[in-house]
Full PDB file with SEQRES, HELIX, SHEET, SSBOND, CRYST1, ORIGX, SCALE, CONECT and MASTER records, all heavy atoms in Angstrom:
SEQRES   1 A   37  GLY VAL LEU ALA GLY VAL LEU ILE THR MET THR SER TRP          
SEQRES   2 A   37  SER MET THR PHE LEU VAL GLY GLY VAL LEU ALA VAL VAL          
SEQRES   3 A   37  ALA GLY PHE SER ALA PHE LEU LEU ARG PRO PRO                  
HELIX    1 AA1 VAL A    2  MET A   10  1                                   9    
HELIX    2 AA2 TRP A   13  SER A   30  1                                  18    
HELIX    3 AA3 ALA A   31  LEU A   33  5                                   3    
CRYST1    1.000    1.000    1.000  90.00  90.00  90.00 P 1           1          
ORIGX1      1.000000  0.000000  0.000000        0.00000                         
ORIGX2      0.000000  1.000000  0.000000        0.00000                         
ORIGX3      0.000000  0.000000  1.000000        0.00000                         
SCALE1      1.000000  0.000000  0.000000        0.00000                         
SCALE2      0.000000  1.000000  0.000000        0.00000                         
SCALE3      0.000000  0.000000  1.000000        0.00000                         
ATOM      1  N   GLY A   1      -7.753   0.316  -7.788  1.00  0.00           N  
ATOM      2  CA  GLY A   1      -9.066   0.110  -8.385  1.00  0.00           C  
ATOM      3  C   GLY A   1      -9.466  -1.343  -8.436  1.00  0.00           C  
ATOM      4  O   GLY A   1     -10.170  -1.858  -7.558  1.00  0.00           O  
ATOM      5  N   VAL A   2      -8.991  -2.063  -9.451  1.00  0.00           N  
ATOM      6  CA  VAL A   2      -9.409  -3.449  -9.667  1.00  0.00           C  
ATOM      7  C   VAL A   2      -8.927  -4.362  -8.545  1.00  0.00           C  
ATOM      8  O   VAL A   2      -9.712  -5.126  -7.956  1.00  0.00           O  
ATOM      9  CB  VAL A   2      -8.892  -3.957 -11.031  1.00  0.00           C  
ATOM     10  CG1 VAL A   2      -9.205  -5.440 -11.193  1.00  0.00           C  
ATOM     11  CG2 VAL A   2      -9.529  -3.161 -12.161  1.00  0.00           C  
ATOM     12  N   LEU A   3      -7.620  -4.316  -8.211  1.00  0.00           N  
ATOM     13  CA  LEU A   3      -7.086  -5.226  -7.201  1.00  0.00           C  
ATOM     14  C   LEU A   3      -7.670  -4.932  -5.822  1.00  0.00           C  
ATOM     15  O   LEU A   3      -7.883  -5.846  -5.020  1.00  0.00           O  
ATOM     16  CB  LEU A   3      -5.559  -5.150  -7.166  1.00  0.00           C  
ATOM     17  CG  LEU A   3      -4.842  -5.652  -8.425  1.00  0.00           C  
ATOM     18  CD1 LEU A   3      -3.334  -5.596  -8.239  1.00  0.00           C  
ATOM     19  CD2 LEU A   3      -5.273  -7.082  -8.757  1.00  0.00           C  
ATOM     20  N   ALA A   4      -7.919  -3.655  -5.544  1.00  0.00           N  
ATOM     21  CA  ALA A   4      -8.562  -3.317  -4.271  1.00  0.00           C  
ATOM     22  C   ALA A   4      -9.956  -3.932  -4.200  1.00  0.00           C  
ATOM     23  O   ALA A   4     -10.368  -4.446  -3.146  1.00  0.00           O  
ATOM     24  CB  ALA A   4      -8.636  -1.806  -4.098  1.00  0.00           C  
ATOM     25  N   GLY A   5     -10.688  -3.901  -5.326  1.00  0.00           N  
ATOM     26  CA  GLY A   5     -12.010  -4.523  -5.356  1.00  0.00           C  
ATOM     27  C   GLY A   5     -11.948  -6.017  -5.103  1.00  0.00           C  
ATOM     28  O   GLY A   5     -12.777  -6.586  -4.381  1.00  0.00           O  
ATOM     29  N   VAL A   6     -10.943  -6.666  -5.691  1.00  0.00           N  
ATOM     30  CA  VAL A   6     -10.763  -8.109  -5.467  1.00  0.00           C  
ATOM     31  C   VAL A   6     -10.411  -8.387  -4.014  1.00  0.00           C  
ATOM     32  O   VAL A   6     -10.947  -9.305  -3.384  1.00  0.00           O  
ATOM     33  CB  VAL A   6      -9.658  -8.656  -6.401  1.00  0.00           C  
ATOM     34  CG1 VAL A   6      -9.331 -10.108  -6.049  1.00  0.00           C  
ATOM     35  CG2 VAL A   6     -10.086  -8.532  -7.856  1.00  0.00           C  
ATOM     36  N   LEU A   7      -9.518  -7.577  -3.451  1.00  0.00           N  
ATOM     37  CA  LEU A   7      -9.092  -7.763  -2.059  1.00  0.00           C  
ATOM     38  C   LEU A   7     -10.247  -7.522  -1.099  1.00  0.00           C  
ATOM     39  O   LEU A   7     -10.383  -8.219  -0.082  1.00  0.00           O  
ATOM     40  CB  LEU A   7      -7.929  -6.826  -1.747  1.00  0.00           C  
ATOM     41  CG  LEU A   7      -7.174  -7.057  -0.424  1.00  0.00           C  
ATOM     42  CD1 LEU A   7      -6.609  -8.472  -0.385  1.00  0.00           C  
ATOM     43  CD2 LEU A   7      -6.050  -6.033  -0.268  1.00  0.00           C  
ATOM     44  N   ILE A   8     -11.104  -6.545  -1.412  1.00  0.00           N  
ATOM     45  CA  ILE A   8     -12.291  -6.297  -0.587  1.00  0.00           C  
ATOM     46  C   ILE A   8     -13.184  -7.532  -0.570  1.00  0.00           C  
ATOM     47  O   ILE A   8     -13.709  -7.938   0.478  1.00  0.00           O  
ATOM     48  CB  ILE A   8     -13.066  -5.067  -1.110  1.00  0.00           C  
ATOM     49  CG1 ILE A   8     -12.292  -3.786  -0.806  1.00  0.00           C  
ATOM     50  CG2 ILE A   8     -14.464  -4.995  -0.501  1.00  0.00           C  
ATOM     51  CD1 ILE A   8     -12.820  -2.563  -1.532  1.00  0.00           C  
ATOM     52  N   THR A   9     -13.358  -8.158  -1.740  1.00  0.00           N  
ATOM     53  CA  THR A   9     -14.204  -9.348  -1.837  1.00  0.00           C  
ATOM     54  C   THR A   9     -13.594 -10.526  -1.083  1.00  0.00           C  
ATOM     55  O   THR A   9     -14.302 -11.284  -0.408  1.00  0.00           O  
ATOM     56  CB  THR A   9     -14.409  -9.732  -3.312  1.00  0.00           C  
ATOM     57  OG1 THR A   9     -14.979  -8.619  -4.017  1.00  0.00           O  
ATOM     58  CG2 THR A   9     -15.326 -10.929  -3.442  1.00  0.00           C  
ATOM     59  N   MET A  10     -12.273 -10.676  -1.174  1.00  0.00           N  
ATOM     60  CA  MET A  10     -11.603 -11.817  -0.559  1.00  0.00           C  
ATOM     61  C   MET A  10     -11.413 -11.644   0.949  1.00  0.00           C  
ATOM     62  O   MET A  10     -11.446 -12.631   1.697  1.00  0.00           O  
ATOM     63  CB  MET A  10     -10.241 -12.034  -1.221  1.00  0.00           C  
ATOM     64  CG  MET A  10     -10.322 -12.447  -2.681  1.00  0.00           C  
ATOM     65  SD  MET A  10      -8.672 -12.588  -3.440  1.00  0.00           S  
ATOM     66  CE  MET A  10      -7.929 -13.856  -2.415  1.00  0.00           C  
ATOM     67  N   THR A  11     -11.198 -10.412   1.400  1.00  0.00           N  
ATOM     68  CA  THR A  11     -10.948 -10.178   2.825  1.00  0.00           C  
ATOM     69  C   THR A  11     -12.025  -9.255   3.394  1.00  0.00           C  
ATOM     70  O   THR A  11     -13.093  -9.692   3.787  1.00  0.00           O  
ATOM     71  CB  THR A  11      -9.539  -9.596   3.041  1.00  0.00           C  
ATOM     72  OG1 THR A  11      -9.401  -8.358   2.308  1.00  0.00           O  
ATOM     73  CG2 THR A  11      -8.473 -10.568   2.565  1.00  0.00           C  
ATOM     74  N   SER A  12     -11.723  -7.970   3.463  1.00  0.00           N  
ATOM     75  CA  SER A  12     -12.674  -6.988   3.984  1.00  0.00           C  
ATOM     76  C   SER A  12     -12.236  -5.596   3.557  1.00  0.00           C  
ATOM     77  O   SER A  12     -11.109  -5.387   3.110  1.00  0.00           O  
ATOM     78  CB  SER A  12     -12.742  -7.060   5.513  1.00  0.00           C  
ATOM     79  OG  SER A  12     -11.502  -6.645   6.078  1.00  0.00           O  
ATOM     80  N   TRP A  13     -13.131  -4.621   3.719  1.00  0.00           N  
ATOM     81  CA  TRP A  13     -12.794  -3.241   3.426  1.00  0.00           C  
ATOM     82  C   TRP A  13     -11.651  -2.765   4.318  1.00  0.00           C  
ATOM     83  O   TRP A  13     -10.724  -2.097   3.868  1.00  0.00           O  
ATOM     84  CB  TRP A  13     -14.022  -2.351   3.635  1.00  0.00           C  
ATOM     85  CG  TRP A  13     -15.000  -2.386   2.506  1.00  0.00           C  
ATOM     86  CD1 TRP A  13     -16.012  -3.289   2.331  1.00  0.00           C  
ATOM     87  CD2 TRP A  13     -15.076  -1.485   1.401  1.00  0.00           C  
ATOM     88  NE1 TRP A  13     -16.706  -3.009   1.178  1.00  0.00           N  
ATOM     89  CE2 TRP A  13     -16.160  -1.903   0.587  1.00  0.00           C  
ATOM     90  CE3 TRP A  13     -14.335  -0.367   1.015  1.00  0.00           C  
ATOM     91  CZ2 TRP A  13     -16.524  -1.239  -0.576  1.00  0.00           C  
ATOM     92  CZ3 TRP A  13     -14.694   0.305  -0.153  1.00  0.00           C  
ATOM     93  CH2 TRP A  13     -15.776  -0.129  -0.936  1.00  0.00           C  
ATOM     94  N   SER A  14     -11.737  -3.109   5.599  1.00  0.00           N  
ATOM     95  CA  SER A  14     -10.723  -2.636   6.547  1.00  0.00           C  
ATOM     96  C   SER A  14      -9.336  -3.166   6.195  1.00  0.00           C  
ATOM     97  O   SER A  14      -8.352  -2.425   6.187  1.00  0.00           O  
ATOM     98  CB  SER A  14     -11.099  -3.065   7.969  1.00  0.00           C  
ATOM     99  OG  SER A  14     -12.288  -2.427   8.384  1.00  0.00           O  
ATOM    100  N   MET A  15      -9.244  -4.454   5.902  1.00  0.00           N  
ATOM    101  CA  MET A  15      -7.953  -5.051   5.562  1.00  0.00           C  
ATOM    102  C   MET A  15      -7.373  -4.417   4.297  1.00  0.00           C  
ATOM    103  O   MET A  15      -6.168  -4.171   4.207  1.00  0.00           O  
ATOM    104  CB  MET A  15      -8.106  -6.558   5.374  1.00  0.00           C  
ATOM    105  CG  MET A  15      -6.813  -7.276   4.994  1.00  0.00           C  
ATOM    106  SD  MET A  15      -5.481  -7.022   6.198  1.00  0.00           S  
ATOM    107  CE  MET A  15      -6.154  -7.912   7.614  1.00  0.00           C  
ATOM    108  N   THR A  16      -8.223  -4.145   3.330  1.00  0.00           N  
ATOM    109  CA  THR A  16      -7.765  -3.540   2.078  1.00  0.00           C  
ATOM    110  C   THR A  16      -7.138  -2.171   2.325  1.00  0.00           C  
ATOM    111  O   THR A  16      -6.059  -1.860   1.799  1.00  0.00           O  
ATOM    112  CB  THR A  16      -8.939  -3.409   1.096  1.00  0.00           C  
ATOM    113  OG1 THR A  16      -9.509  -4.701   0.861  1.00  0.00           O  
ATOM    114  CG2 THR A  16      -8.487  -2.806  -0.226  1.00  0.00           C  
ATOM    115  N   PHE A  17      -7.781  -1.345   3.145  1.00  0.00           N  
ATOM    116  CA  PHE A  17      -7.237  -0.021   3.424  1.00  0.00           C  
ATOM    117  C   PHE A  17      -5.998  -0.089   4.308  1.00  0.00           C  
ATOM    118  O   PHE A  17      -5.109   0.762   4.197  1.00  0.00           O  
ATOM    119  CB  PHE A  17      -8.313   0.874   4.047  1.00  0.00           C  
ATOM    120  CG  PHE A  17      -9.159   1.574   3.022  1.00  0.00           C  
ATOM    121  CD1 PHE A  17     -10.141   0.891   2.322  1.00  0.00           C  
ATOM    122  CD2 PHE A  17      -8.969   2.912   2.728  1.00  0.00           C  
ATOM    123  CE1 PHE A  17     -10.918   1.520   1.364  1.00  0.00           C  
ATOM    124  CE2 PHE A  17      -9.730   3.557   1.760  1.00  0.00           C  
ATOM    125  CZ  PHE A  17     -10.712   2.860   1.072  1.00  0.00           C  
ATOM    126  N   LEU A  18      -5.912  -1.092   5.172  1.00  0.00           N  
ATOM    127  CA  LEU A  18      -4.698  -1.267   5.964  1.00  0.00           C  
ATOM    128  C   LEU A  18      -3.513  -1.631   5.076  1.00  0.00           C  
ATOM    129  O   LEU A  18      -2.399  -1.147   5.286  1.00  0.00           O  
ATOM    130  CB  LEU A  18      -4.912  -2.356   7.025  1.00  0.00           C  
ATOM    131  CG  LEU A  18      -5.836  -1.981   8.191  1.00  0.00           C  
ATOM    132  CD1 LEU A  18      -6.082  -3.202   9.079  1.00  0.00           C  
ATOM    133  CD2 LEU A  18      -5.248  -0.839   9.008  1.00  0.00           C  
ATOM    134  N   VAL A  19      -3.750  -2.473   4.065  1.00  0.00           N  
ATOM    135  CA  VAL A  19      -2.692  -2.813   3.112  1.00  0.00           C  
ATOM    136  C   VAL A  19      -2.224  -1.556   2.373  1.00  0.00           C  
ATOM    137  O   VAL A  19      -1.019  -1.340   2.176  1.00  0.00           O  
ATOM    138  CB  VAL A  19      -3.179  -3.879   2.116  1.00  0.00           C  
ATOM    139  CG1 VAL A  19      -2.184  -4.064   0.966  1.00  0.00           C  
ATOM    140  CG2 VAL A  19      -3.395  -5.214   2.824  1.00  0.00           C  
ATOM    141  N   GLY A  20      -3.173  -0.704   1.967  1.00  0.00           N  
ATOM    142  CA  GLY A  20      -2.803   0.554   1.318  1.00  0.00           C  
ATOM    143  C   GLY A  20      -1.940   1.423   2.214  1.00  0.00           C  
ATOM    144  O   GLY A  20      -0.961   2.029   1.763  1.00  0.00           O  
ATOM    145  N   GLY A  21      -2.268   1.465   3.501  1.00  0.00           N  
ATOM    146  CA  GLY A  21      -1.467   2.240   4.441  1.00  0.00           C  
ATOM    147  C   GLY A  21      -0.052   1.720   4.573  1.00  0.00           C  
ATOM    148  O   GLY A  21       0.914   2.494   4.644  1.00  0.00           O  
ATOM    149  N   VAL A  22       0.100   0.406   4.597  1.00  0.00           N  
ATOM    150  CA  VAL A  22       1.435  -0.203   4.693  1.00  0.00           C  
ATOM    151  C   VAL A  22       2.276   0.153   3.475  1.00  0.00           C  
ATOM    152  O   VAL A  22       3.466   0.476   3.585  1.00  0.00           O  
ATOM    153  CB  VAL A  22       1.318  -1.734   4.851  1.00  0.00           C  
ATOM    154  CG1 VAL A  22       2.683  -2.400   4.684  1.00  0.00           C  
ATOM    155  CG2 VAL A  22       0.710  -2.087   6.203  1.00  0.00           C  
ATOM    156  N   LEU A  23       1.673   0.115   2.280  1.00  0.00           N  
ATOM    157  CA  LEU A  23       2.412   0.455   1.058  1.00  0.00           C  
ATOM    158  C   LEU A  23       2.909   1.901   1.101  1.00  0.00           C  
ATOM    159  O   LEU A  23       4.027   2.196   0.661  1.00  0.00           O  
ATOM    160  CB  LEU A  23       1.531   0.231  -0.168  1.00  0.00           C  
ATOM    161  CG  LEU A  23       1.196  -1.225  -0.509  1.00  0.00           C  
ATOM    162  CD1 LEU A  23       0.234  -1.294  -1.691  1.00  0.00           C  
ATOM    163  CD2 LEU A  23       2.452  -2.019  -0.816  1.00  0.00           C  
ATOM    164  N   ALA A  24       2.083   2.813   1.601  1.00  0.00           N  
ATOM    165  CA  ALA A  24       2.502   4.214   1.706  1.00  0.00           C  
ATOM    166  C   ALA A  24       3.687   4.365   2.663  1.00  0.00           C  
ATOM    167  O   ALA A  24       4.632   5.124   2.391  1.00  0.00           O  
ATOM    168  CB  ALA A  24       1.330   5.080   2.176  1.00  0.00           C  
ATOM    169  N   VAL A  25       3.659   3.640   3.770  1.00  0.00           N  
ATOM    170  CA  VAL A  25       4.763   3.705   4.731  1.00  0.00           C  
ATOM    171  C   VAL A  25       6.043   3.148   4.110  1.00  0.00           C  
ATOM    172  O   VAL A  25       7.133   3.711   4.283  1.00  0.00           O  
ATOM    173  CB  VAL A  25       4.399   2.936   6.016  1.00  0.00           C  
ATOM    174  CG1 VAL A  25       5.617   2.794   6.928  1.00  0.00           C  
ATOM    175  CG2 VAL A  25       3.265   3.645   6.754  1.00  0.00           C  
ATOM    176  N   VAL A  26       5.940   2.056   3.353  1.00  0.00           N  
ATOM    177  CA  VAL A  26       7.109   1.480   2.678  1.00  0.00           C  
ATOM    178  C   VAL A  26       7.704   2.485   1.697  1.00  0.00           C  
ATOM    179  O   VAL A  26       8.932   2.654   1.608  1.00  0.00           O  
ATOM    180  CB  VAL A  26       6.721   0.172   1.947  1.00  0.00           C  
ATOM    181  CG1 VAL A  26       7.862  -0.300   1.047  1.00  0.00           C  
ATOM    182  CG2 VAL A  26       6.375  -0.913   2.960  1.00  0.00           C  
ATOM    183  N   ALA A  27       6.841   3.179   0.951  1.00  0.00           N  
ATOM    184  CA  ALA A  27       7.328   4.206   0.016  1.00  0.00           C  
ATOM    185  C   ALA A  27       8.084   5.295   0.759  1.00  0.00           C  
ATOM    186  O   ALA A  27       9.126   5.781   0.295  1.00  0.00           O  
ATOM    187  CB  ALA A  27       6.147   4.804  -0.759  1.00  0.00           C  
ATOM    188  N   GLY A  28       7.583   5.685   1.932  1.00  0.00           N  
ATOM    189  CA  GLY A  28       8.232   6.727   2.705  1.00  0.00           C  
ATOM    190  C   GLY A  28       9.627   6.340   3.164  1.00  0.00           C  
ATOM    191  O   GLY A  28      10.582   7.117   3.025  1.00  0.00           O  
ATOM    192  N   PHE A  29       9.768   5.139   3.678  1.00  0.00           N  
ATOM    193  CA  PHE A  29      11.089   4.707   4.139  1.00  0.00           C  
ATOM    194  C   PHE A  29      12.055   4.498   2.973  1.00  0.00           C  
ATOM    195  O   PHE A  29      13.263   4.660   3.128  1.00  0.00           O  
ATOM    196  CB  PHE A  29      10.965   3.433   4.977  1.00  0.00           C  
ATOM    197  CG  PHE A  29      10.521   3.695   6.394  1.00  0.00           C  
ATOM    198  CD1 PHE A  29       9.231   3.406   6.798  1.00  0.00           C  
ATOM    199  CD2 PHE A  29      11.395   4.261   7.310  1.00  0.00           C  
ATOM    200  CE1 PHE A  29       8.815   3.662   8.097  1.00  0.00           C  
ATOM    201  CE2 PHE A  29      10.996   4.520   8.616  1.00  0.00           C  
ATOM    202  CZ  PHE A  29       9.693   4.220   9.012  1.00  0.00           C  
ATOM    203  N   SER A  30      11.530   4.162   1.797  1.00  0.00           N  
ATOM    204  CA  SER A  30      12.392   3.997   0.619  1.00  0.00           C  
ATOM    205  C   SER A  30      13.042   5.313   0.212  1.00  0.00           C  
ATOM    206  O   SER A  30      14.130   5.332  -0.365  1.00  0.00           O  
ATOM    207  CB  SER A  30      11.584   3.448  -0.559  1.00  0.00           C  
ATOM    208  OG  SER A  30      11.040   2.173  -0.274  1.00  0.00           O  
ATOM    209  N   ALA A  31      12.367   6.441   0.523  1.00  0.00           N  
ATOM    210  CA  ALA A  31      12.916   7.738   0.146  1.00  0.00           C  
ATOM    211  C   ALA A  31      14.250   8.024   0.810  1.00  0.00           C  
ATOM    212  O   ALA A  31      15.060   8.793   0.303  1.00  0.00           O  
ATOM    213  CB  ALA A  31      11.919   8.847   0.493  1.00  0.00           C  
ATOM    214  N   PHE A  32      14.485   7.413   1.986  1.00  0.00           N  
ATOM    215  CA  PHE A  32      15.754   7.656   2.677  1.00  0.00           C  
ATOM    216  C   PHE A  32      16.958   7.147   1.888  1.00  0.00           C  
ATOM    217  O   PHE A  32      18.098   7.546   2.136  1.00  0.00           O  
ATOM    218  CB  PHE A  32      15.734   6.981   4.064  1.00  0.00           C  
ATOM    219  CG  PHE A  32      14.696   7.558   4.990  1.00  0.00           C  
ATOM    220  CD1 PHE A  32      13.823   6.733   5.685  1.00  0.00           C  
ATOM    221  CD2 PHE A  32      14.589   8.934   5.167  1.00  0.00           C  
ATOM    222  CE1 PHE A  32      12.872   7.262   6.555  1.00  0.00           C  
ATOM    223  CE2 PHE A  32      13.636   9.473   6.021  1.00  0.00           C  
ATOM    224  CZ  PHE A  32      12.780   8.633   6.725  1.00  0.00           C  
ATOM    225  N   LEU A  33      16.718   6.251   0.913  1.00  0.00           N  
ATOM    226  CA  LEU A  33      17.796   5.704   0.119  1.00  0.00           C  
ATOM    227  C   LEU A  33      18.251   6.647  -0.990  1.00  0.00           C  
ATOM    228  O   LEU A  33      19.334   6.480  -1.561  1.00  0.00           O  
ATOM    229  CB  LEU A  33      17.356   4.377  -0.513  1.00  0.00           C  
ATOM    230  CG  LEU A  33      16.885   3.258   0.426  1.00  0.00           C  
ATOM    231  CD1 LEU A  33      16.351   2.091  -0.384  1.00  0.00           C  
ATOM    232  CD2 LEU A  33      18.037   2.810   1.329  1.00  0.00           C  
ATOM    233  N   LEU A  34      17.436   7.632  -1.328  1.00  0.00           N  
ATOM    234  CA  LEU A  34      17.687   8.459  -2.520  1.00  0.00           C  
ATOM    235  C   LEU A  34      18.898   9.377  -2.346  1.00  0.00           C  
ATOM    236  O   LEU A  34      19.182   9.854  -1.256  1.00  0.00           O  
ATOM    237  CB  LEU A  34      16.457   9.303  -2.831  1.00  0.00           C  
ATOM    238  CG  LEU A  34      15.205   8.557  -3.307  1.00  0.00           C  
ATOM    239  CD1 LEU A  34      14.030   9.521  -3.397  1.00  0.00           C  
ATOM    240  CD2 LEU A  34      15.449   7.877  -4.649  1.00  0.00           C  
ATOM    241  N   ARG A  35      19.573   9.635  -3.461  1.00  0.00           N  
ATOM    242  CA  ARG A  35      20.599  10.670  -3.564  1.00  0.00           C  
ATOM    243  C   ARG A  35      20.716  11.019  -5.054  1.00  0.00           C  
ATOM    244  O   ARG A  35      20.358  10.215  -5.911  1.00  0.00           O  
ATOM    245  CB  ARG A  35      21.943  10.199  -3.012  1.00  0.00           C  
ATOM    246  CG  ARG A  35      22.581   9.042  -3.760  1.00  0.00           C  
ATOM    247  CD  ARG A  35      23.959   8.719  -3.169  1.00  0.00           C  
ATOM    248  NE  ARG A  35      24.619   7.660  -3.927  1.00  0.00           N  
ATOM    249  CZ  ARG A  35      24.506   6.367  -3.665  1.00  0.00           C  
ATOM    250  NH1 ARG A  35      23.743   5.976  -2.657  1.00  0.00           N  
ATOM    251  NH2 ARG A  35      25.147   5.472  -4.395  1.00  0.00           N  
ATOM    252  N   PRO A  36      21.184  12.223  -5.387  1.00  0.00           N  
ATOM    253  CA  PRO A  36      21.243  12.631  -6.792  1.00  0.00           C  
ATOM    254  C   PRO A  36      22.135  11.696  -7.615  1.00  0.00           C  
ATOM    255  O   PRO A  36      23.166  11.235  -7.124  1.00  0.00           O  
ATOM    256  CB  PRO A  36      21.849  14.031  -6.728  1.00  0.00           C  
ATOM    257  CG  PRO A  36      21.510  14.525  -5.368  1.00  0.00           C  
ATOM    258  CD  PRO A  36      21.585  13.320  -4.485  1.00  0.00           C  
ATOM    259  N   PRO A  37      21.756  11.388  -8.843  1.00  0.00           N  
ATOM    260  CA  PRO A  37      22.584  10.534  -9.704  1.00  0.00           C  
ATOM    261  C   PRO A  37      23.854  11.257 -10.140  1.00  0.00           C  
ATOM    262  O   PRO A  37      23.871  12.485 -10.192  1.00  0.00           O  
ATOM    263  CB  PRO A  37      21.682  10.238 -10.901  1.00  0.00           C  
ATOM    264  CG  PRO A  37      20.736  11.413 -10.949  1.00  0.00           C  
ATOM    265  CD  PRO A  37      20.531  11.821  -9.533  1.00  0.00           C  
TER     266      PRO A  37                                                      
MASTER        0    0    0    3    0    0    0    6  265    1    0    3          
END                                                                             
């Protein structure tokens, strides 16, 4: 919400959504580390 609005102002709409896509991919690869406690 707020930070995306700031990033849109500082860069562009496209760059902001690309950053969001990268974060989702990072979350996906992090899942490979999981195992039951």
